[in-house]
């Protein structure tokens, strides 16, 4: 069974979707991600959809579900890398993605997550030291 990898970075989970999601894979990702939030007690989830060219109503609903479930489990969700065509499609479908925060790229998304949980780095060098 195909799965989307979920990486743990400190108190955050990072998901980079590099393939177009079909319904079963999206449901598996939703289930795996919520289980990982519970297992790791993650405070944030960052989902990179920069390689996703098509989002339908089901995928939009899955993103909203992930954000809602994560919020209930005390974790913020940020979606990054949304292509303009994807944003246009989501608006045309009437999907507001309630509870989903967005950022242009992974770096801005990580910064937004840190702000959401009150973990703001004042020293950028200190940030990189923590990953070595």
Foldseek 3Di string as FASTA:
>chain_A
DDEFDWDDDPLEIETEDQDADDLVRLVVHLVVLLVCCVVSVRQEYEYECLNHDDDAPSSLVSLLSSLVSSVVSNHAYEYENDDPVHVVRCVVVVRPSPRYHYDHHDVVRVQVRCVVVVNHDPDPVVVVVVVD
